């Protein structure tokens, strides 16, 4: 029996697929929130740059899915939107918690801190 035949219209599946795509794209673009928190003092600026890039990519994929599947458009948009908000919140919290923590980072970088550009702002 097809999953669709289990009593749903497919919106639940579309929601989960859309949420999963958003999580996968953001995760592919950056490290984990745990690593962000542990190493925020050296990684936060560049990591958040990649979180933003991942969200832009995720939004593009979710938008395409919503355009080509109008029957499930609302679930696709909700799934991608909820995932983007939740995961962005996790990274923002991890960054803030790591920057305010007195714990030493688990990584050491030459130069003692972040030296890359984050959205054009030297750090």
N, C-alpha and C. Protein backbone atom coordinates (compact mmCIF):
# COMPACT_ATOMS: atom_id res chain seq x y z
N UNK A 1 0.85 -1.18 0.00
CA UNK A 1 0.00 0.00 0.00
C UNK A 1 0.89 1.23 0.00
N UNK A 2 0.59 2.16 -0.85
CA UNK A 2 1.35 3.40 -0.93
C UNK A 2 1.12 4.23 0.33
N UNK A 3 2.12 5.02 0.68
CA UNK A 3 2.02 5.88 1.85
C UNK A 3 0.83 6.81 1.71
N UNK A 4 0.58 7.29 0.51
CA UNK A 4 -0.56 8.19 0.27
C UNK A 4 -1.87 7.51 0.64
N UNK A 5 -1.93 6.21 0.52
CA UNK A 5 -3.16 5.48 0.79
C UNK A 5 -3.44 5.25 2.26
N UNK A 6 -2.59 5.76 3.12
CA UNK A 6 -2.77 5.55 4.56
C UNK A 6 -3.68 6.59 5.18
N UNK A 7 -4.43 7.29 4.37
CA UNK A 7 -5.42 8.22 4.91
C UNK A 7 -5.04 9.68 4.81
N UNK A 8 -3.89 9.99 4.26
CA UNK A 8 -3.49 11.38 4.15
C UNK A 8 -3.53 11.85 2.71
N UNK A 9 -3.49 13.15 2.55
CA UNK A 9 -3.49 13.72 1.21
C UNK A 9 -2.08 13.93 0.68
N UNK A 10 -1.10 13.58 1.47
CA UNK A 10 0.29 13.78 1.07
C UNK A 10 0.89 15.03 1.66
N UNK A 11 0.11 15.85 2.34
CA UNK A 11 0.65 17.08 2.91
C UNK A 11 1.68 16.81 4.00
N UNK A 12 1.47 15.78 4.79
CA UNK A 12 2.43 15.43 5.83
C UNK A 12 3.76 15.05 5.22
N UNK A 13 3.71 14.26 4.17
CA UNK A 13 4.94 13.84 3.49
C UNK A 13 5.63 15.05 2.87
N UNK A 14 4.87 15.90 2.22
CA UNK A 14 5.45 17.09 1.60
C UNK A 14 6.08 17.99 2.66
N UNK A 15 5.42 18.13 3.81
CA UNK A 15 5.95 18.94 4.92
C UNK A 15 7.28 18.37 5.39
N UNK A 16 7.34 17.06 5.62
CA UNK A 16 8.56 16.43 6.11
C UNK A 16 9.69 16.50 5.08
N UNK A 17 9.37 16.28 3.83
CA UNK A 17 10.40 16.36 2.78
C UNK A 17 10.95 17.78 2.70
N UNK A 18 10.08 18.76 2.73
CA UNK A 18 10.51 20.16 2.65
C UNK A 18 11.37 20.52 3.86
N UNK A 19 10.95 20.12 5.05
CA UNK A 19 11.74 20.39 6.26
C UNK A 19 13.09 19.67 6.18
N UNK A 20 13.07 18.43 5.73
CA UNK A 20 14.31 17.67 5.62
C UNK A 20 15.29 18.28 4.63
N UNK A 21 14.78 18.79 3.53
CA UNK A 21 15.65 19.43 2.54
C UNK A 21 16.29 20.68 3.14
N UNK A 22 15.52 21.46 3.87
CA UNK A 22 16.07 22.67 4.48
C UNK A 22 17.18 22.31 5.46
N UNK A 23 16.92 21.32 6.34
CA UNK A 23 17.93 20.90 7.29
C UNK A 23 19.18 20.37 6.58
N UNK A 24 19.01 19.56 5.57
CA UNK A 24 20.14 18.98 4.85
C UNK A 24 20.98 20.05 4.17
N UNK A 25 20.36 21.01 3.55
CA UNK A 25 21.10 22.04 2.84
C UNK A 25 21.89 22.91 3.82
N UNK A 26 21.26 23.30 4.91
CA UNK A 26 21.98 24.11 5.90
C UNK A 26 23.11 23.30 6.52
N UNK A 27 22.85 22.04 6.86
CA UNK A 27 23.89 21.20 7.45
C UNK A 27 25.04 20.98 6.49
N UNK A 28 24.75 20.89 5.21
CA UNK A 28 25.80 20.70 4.21
C UNK A 28 26.67 21.93 4.08
N UNK A 29 26.14 23.08 4.43
CA UNK A 29 26.87 24.32 4.26
C UNK A 29 27.71 24.71 5.48
N UNK A 30 27.50 24.06 6.59
CA UNK A 30 28.22 24.49 7.79
C UNK A 30 28.34 23.36 8.81
N UNK A 31 28.93 23.68 9.90
CA UNK A 31 29.15 22.73 10.98
C UNK A 31 27.89 22.60 11.83
N UNK A 32 27.98 21.92 12.96
CA UNK A 32 26.81 21.73 13.81
C UNK A 32 26.67 22.88 14.81
N UNK A 33 25.45 23.08 15.37
CA UNK A 33 25.31 24.08 16.43
C UNK A 33 26.22 23.79 17.62
N UNK A 34 26.46 22.52 17.92
CA UNK A 34 27.34 22.18 19.03
C UNK A 34 28.77 22.68 18.76
N UNK A 35 29.28 22.44 17.56
CA UNK A 35 30.61 22.92 17.22
C UNK A 35 30.65 24.44 17.20
N UNK A 36 29.57 25.05 16.76
CA UNK A 36 29.48 26.52 16.77
C UNK A 36 29.64 27.03 18.19
N UNK A 37 28.92 26.43 19.13
CA UNK A 37 29.00 26.88 20.52
C UNK A 37 30.39 26.65 21.09
N UNK A 38 30.96 25.48 20.83
CA UNK A 38 32.28 25.15 21.38
C UNK A 38 33.38 26.06 20.83
N UNK A 39 33.25 26.49 19.59
CA UNK A 39 34.32 27.23 18.93
C UNK A 39 33.87 28.58 18.38
N UNK A 40 32.87 29.17 19.01
CA UNK A 40 32.31 30.44 18.51
C UNK A 40 33.35 31.55 18.45
N UNK A 41 34.28 31.55 19.38
CA UNK A 41 35.25 32.64 19.41
C UNK A 41 36.15 32.65 18.18
N UNK A 42 36.34 31.50 17.54
CA UNK A 42 37.19 31.46 16.35
C UNK A 42 36.41 31.23 15.07
N UNK A 43 35.19 30.69 15.16
CA UNK A 43 34.45 30.31 13.96
C UNK A 43 33.16 31.07 13.69
N UNK A 44 32.62 31.75 14.68
CA UNK A 44 31.27 32.31 14.55
C UNK A 44 31.06 33.19 13.31
N UNK A 45 31.95 34.12 13.02
CA UNK A 45 31.66 34.99 11.87
C UNK A 45 31.55 34.23 10.55
N UNK A 46 32.49 33.35 10.28
CA UNK A 46 32.43 32.63 9.01
C UNK A 46 31.34 31.57 9.04
N UNK A 47 31.12 30.96 10.19
CA UNK A 47 30.08 29.94 10.25
C UNK A 47 28.72 30.56 9.98
N UNK A 48 28.42 31.70 10.57
CA UNK A 48 27.12 32.33 10.35
C UNK A 48 26.98 32.78 8.90
N UNK A 49 28.07 33.13 8.26
CA UNK A 49 28.01 33.44 6.83
C UNK A 49 27.48 32.21 6.08
N UNK A 50 27.98 31.03 6.44
CA UNK A 50 27.56 29.81 5.75
C UNK A 50 26.16 29.38 6.15
N UNK A 51 25.73 29.71 7.35
CA UNK A 51 24.32 29.47 7.73
C UNK A 51 23.43 30.30 6.82
N UNK A 52 23.79 31.56 6.61
CA UNK A 52 22.99 32.43 5.74
C UNK A 52 22.98 31.91 4.30
N UNK A 53 24.12 31.49 3.81
CA UNK A 53 24.18 30.93 2.46
C UNK A 53 23.33 29.67 2.37
N UNK A 54 23.39 28.82 3.39
CA UNK A 54 22.58 27.61 3.40
C UNK A 54 21.09 27.91 3.40
N UNK A 55 20.69 28.93 4.13
CA UNK A 55 19.27 29.30 4.15
C UNK A 55 18.83 29.80 2.79
N UNK A 56 19.66 30.61 2.14
CA UNK A 56 19.31 31.09 0.79
C UNK A 56 19.16 29.90 -0.16
N UNK A 57 20.08 28.95 -0.10
CA UNK A 57 19.98 27.77 -0.95
C UNK A 57 18.73 26.96 -0.63
N UNK A 58 18.46 26.77 0.67
CA UNK A 58 17.27 26.03 1.08
C UNK A 58 15.99 26.69 0.61
N UNK A 59 15.92 28.00 0.74
CA UNK A 59 14.75 28.74 0.28
C UNK A 59 14.55 28.55 -1.22
N UNK A 60 15.65 28.56 -1.97
CA UNK A 60 15.54 28.37 -3.42
C UNK A 60 14.95 26.99 -3.74
N UNK A 61 15.43 25.94 -3.09
CA UNK A 61 14.91 24.60 -3.34
C UNK A 61 13.46 24.46 -2.92
N UNK A 62 13.12 25.00 -1.76
CA UNK A 62 11.73 24.94 -1.29
C UNK A 62 10.82 25.72 -2.23
N UNK A 63 11.27 26.87 -2.70
CA UNK A 63 10.46 27.67 -3.63
C UNK A 63 10.21 26.91 -4.94
N UNK A 64 11.24 26.25 -5.45
CA UNK A 64 11.07 25.48 -6.68
C UNK A 64 10.07 24.35 -6.45
N UNK A 65 10.22 23.65 -5.32
CA UNK A 65 9.28 22.56 -5.01
C UNK A 65 7.85 23.08 -4.91
N UNK A 66 7.68 24.24 -4.28
CA UNK A 66 6.34 24.82 -4.14
C UNK A 66 5.76 25.21 -5.51
N UNK A 67 6.63 25.68 -6.39
CA UNK A 67 6.16 26.07 -7.73
C UNK A 67 5.75 24.86 -8.57
N UNK A 68 6.49 23.77 -8.47
CA UNK A 68 6.20 22.62 -9.33
C UNK A 68 5.18 21.66 -8.73
N UNK A 69 4.80 21.87 -7.47
CA UNK A 69 3.81 20.99 -6.83
C UNK A 69 2.73 21.84 -6.14
N UNK A 70 1.88 22.50 -6.94
CA UNK A 70 0.89 23.40 -6.35
C UNK A 70 -0.08 22.69 -5.41
N UNK A 71 -0.31 21.41 -5.60
CA UNK A 71 -1.24 20.69 -4.72
C UNK A 71 -0.70 20.61 -3.29
N UNK A 72 0.61 20.66 -3.14
CA UNK A 72 1.22 20.56 -1.80
C UNK A 72 1.98 21.82 -1.41
N UNK A 73 1.74 22.89 -2.14
CA UNK A 73 2.49 24.13 -1.95
C UNK A 73 2.49 24.60 -0.50
N UNK A 74 1.34 24.63 0.13
CA UNK A 74 1.27 25.15 1.50
C UNK A 74 2.12 24.30 2.45
N UNK A 75 2.04 22.98 2.35
CA UNK A 75 2.83 22.12 3.23
C UNK A 75 4.32 22.26 2.95
N UNK A 76 4.69 22.38 1.69
CA UNK A 76 6.09 22.55 1.32
C UNK A 76 6.64 23.84 1.93
N UNK A 77 5.90 24.92 1.79
CA UNK A 77 6.34 26.21 2.33
C UNK A 77 6.40 26.19 3.85
N UNK A 78 5.41 25.59 4.47
CA UNK A 78 5.42 25.49 5.94
C UNK A 78 6.59 24.65 6.42
N UNK A 79 6.82 23.51 5.79
CA UNK A 79 7.92 22.64 6.21
C UNK A 79 9.27 23.33 6.10
N UNK A 80 9.53 23.93 4.96
CA UNK A 80 10.80 24.64 4.77
C UNK A 80 10.93 25.84 5.70
N UNK A 81 9.84 26.57 5.88
CA UNK A 81 9.87 27.74 6.76
C UNK A 81 10.11 27.40 8.21
N UNK A 82 9.40 26.40 8.71
CA UNK A 82 9.58 25.99 10.11
C UNK A 82 11.00 25.50 10.33
N UNK A 83 11.51 24.67 9.41
CA UNK A 83 12.87 24.15 9.55
C UNK A 83 13.90 25.28 9.54
N UNK A 84 13.73 26.24 8.63
CA UNK A 84 14.68 27.37 8.54
C UNK A 84 14.69 28.18 9.83
N UNK A 85 13.52 28.48 10.36
CA UNK A 85 13.43 29.27 11.60
C UNK A 85 14.04 28.52 12.78
N UNK A 86 13.71 27.24 12.91
CA UNK A 86 14.22 26.46 14.04
C UNK A 86 15.74 26.29 13.96
N UNK A 87 16.26 25.94 12.81
CA UNK A 87 17.69 25.71 12.71
C UNK A 87 18.48 27.01 12.81
N UNK A 88 17.96 28.09 12.23
CA UNK A 88 18.64 29.38 12.38
C UNK A 88 18.69 29.77 13.86
N UNK A 89 17.59 29.55 14.56
CA UNK A 89 17.55 29.84 15.99
C UNK A 89 18.59 29.05 16.76
N UNK A 90 18.78 27.78 16.39
CA UNK A 90 19.78 26.96 17.06
C UNK A 90 21.19 27.53 16.84
N UNK A 91 21.51 27.90 15.61
CA UNK A 91 22.83 28.45 15.34
C UNK A 91 23.02 29.81 16.02
N UNK A 92 22.01 30.65 16.01
CA UNK A 92 22.13 31.96 16.66
C UNK A 92 22.34 31.78 18.16
N UNK A 93 21.60 30.86 18.76
CA UNK A 93 21.78 30.59 20.20
C UNK A 93 23.17 30.03 20.47
N UNK A 94 23.62 29.09 19.64
CA UNK A 94 24.94 28.48 19.83
C UNK A 94 26.04 29.53 19.73
N UNK A 95 25.90 30.43 18.76
CA UNK A 95 26.90 31.49 18.60
C UNK A 95 26.95 32.36 19.84
N UNK A 96 25.79 32.81 20.30
CA UNK A 96 25.74 33.68 21.47
C UNK A 96 26.26 32.97 22.72
N UNK A 97 25.84 31.72 22.92
CA UNK A 97 26.29 30.96 24.10
C UNK A 97 27.80 30.75 24.05
N UNK A 98 28.33 30.47 22.88
CA UNK A 98 29.77 30.26 22.75
C UNK A 98 30.57 31.53 22.96
N UNK A 99 30.07 32.65 22.46
CA UNK A 99 30.80 33.91 22.62
C UNK A 99 30.80 34.38 24.07
N UNK A 100 29.78 34.06 24.82
CA UNK A 100 29.71 34.49 26.22
C UNK A 100 30.28 33.47 27.19
N UNK A 101 30.61 32.30 26.70
CA UNK A 101 31.16 31.24 27.54
C UNK A 101 32.61 31.52 27.90
N UNK A 102 32.98 31.14 29.09
CA UNK A 102 34.37 31.26 29.51
C UNK A 102 35.18 30.01 29.21
N UNK A 103 34.52 28.99 28.65
CA UNK A 103 35.21 27.74 28.35
C UNK A 103 36.16 27.92 27.17
N UNK A 104 37.28 27.20 27.19
CA UNK A 104 38.20 27.28 26.06
C UNK A 104 37.62 26.56 24.84
N UNK A 105 37.96 27.01 23.63
CA UNK A 105 37.49 26.32 22.44
C UNK A 105 38.16 24.96 22.31
N UNK A 106 37.58 24.10 21.50
CA UNK A 106 38.18 22.78 21.28
C UNK A 106 39.14 22.80 20.09
N UNK A 107 39.23 23.94 19.42
CA UNK A 107 40.12 24.09 18.27
C UNK A 107 41.05 25.27 18.51
N UNK A 108 42.22 25.19 17.95
CA UNK A 108 43.17 26.30 18.00
C UNK A 108 43.51 26.68 16.57
N UNK A 109 43.54 27.97 16.30
CA UNK A 109 43.87 28.47 14.98
C UNK A 109 45.04 29.43 15.11
N UNK A 110 45.91 29.44 14.13
CA UNK A 110 47.02 30.39 14.17
C UNK A 110 46.47 31.80 14.12
N UNK A 111 47.10 32.70 14.81
CA UNK A 111 46.64 34.08 14.85
C UNK A 111 45.71 34.35 16.02
N UNK A 112 45.27 33.31 16.71
CA UNK A 112 44.50 33.48 17.92
C UNK A 112 43.04 33.84 17.74
N UNK A 113 42.55 33.92 16.55
CA UNK A 113 41.14 34.26 16.38
C UNK A 113 40.72 34.16 14.93
N UNK A 114 39.49 34.50 14.68
CA UNK A 114 38.98 34.44 13.31
C UNK A 114 39.66 35.51 12.48
N UNK A 115 40.15 35.14 11.33
CA UNK A 115 40.83 36.11 10.49
C UNK A 115 40.17 36.23 9.12
N UNK A 116 39.11 35.47 8.90
CA UNK A 116 38.44 35.52 7.60
C UNK A 116 37.40 36.63 7.58
N UNK A 117 36.96 36.96 6.40
CA UNK A 117 35.91 37.95 6.25
C UNK A 117 34.55 37.29 6.38
N UNK A 118 33.66 37.96 7.07
CA UNK A 118 32.29 37.48 7.22
C UNK A 118 31.38 38.54 6.63
N UNK A 119 30.87 38.27 5.45
CA UNK A 119 29.99 39.20 4.74
C UNK A 119 30.66 40.57 4.59
N UNK A 120 31.96 40.58 4.34
CA UNK A 120 32.67 41.81 4.06
C UNK A 120 33.15 42.56 5.29
N UNK A 121 32.88 42.05 6.48
CA UNK A 121 33.33 42.72 7.70
C UNK A 121 34.57 42.01 8.23
N UNK A 122 35.71 42.69 8.32
CA UNK A 122 36.89 42.02 8.88
C UNK A 122 36.66 41.70 10.35
N UNK A 123 37.19 40.55 10.75
CA UNK A 123 37.03 40.16 12.16
C UNK A 123 38.40 40.02 12.80
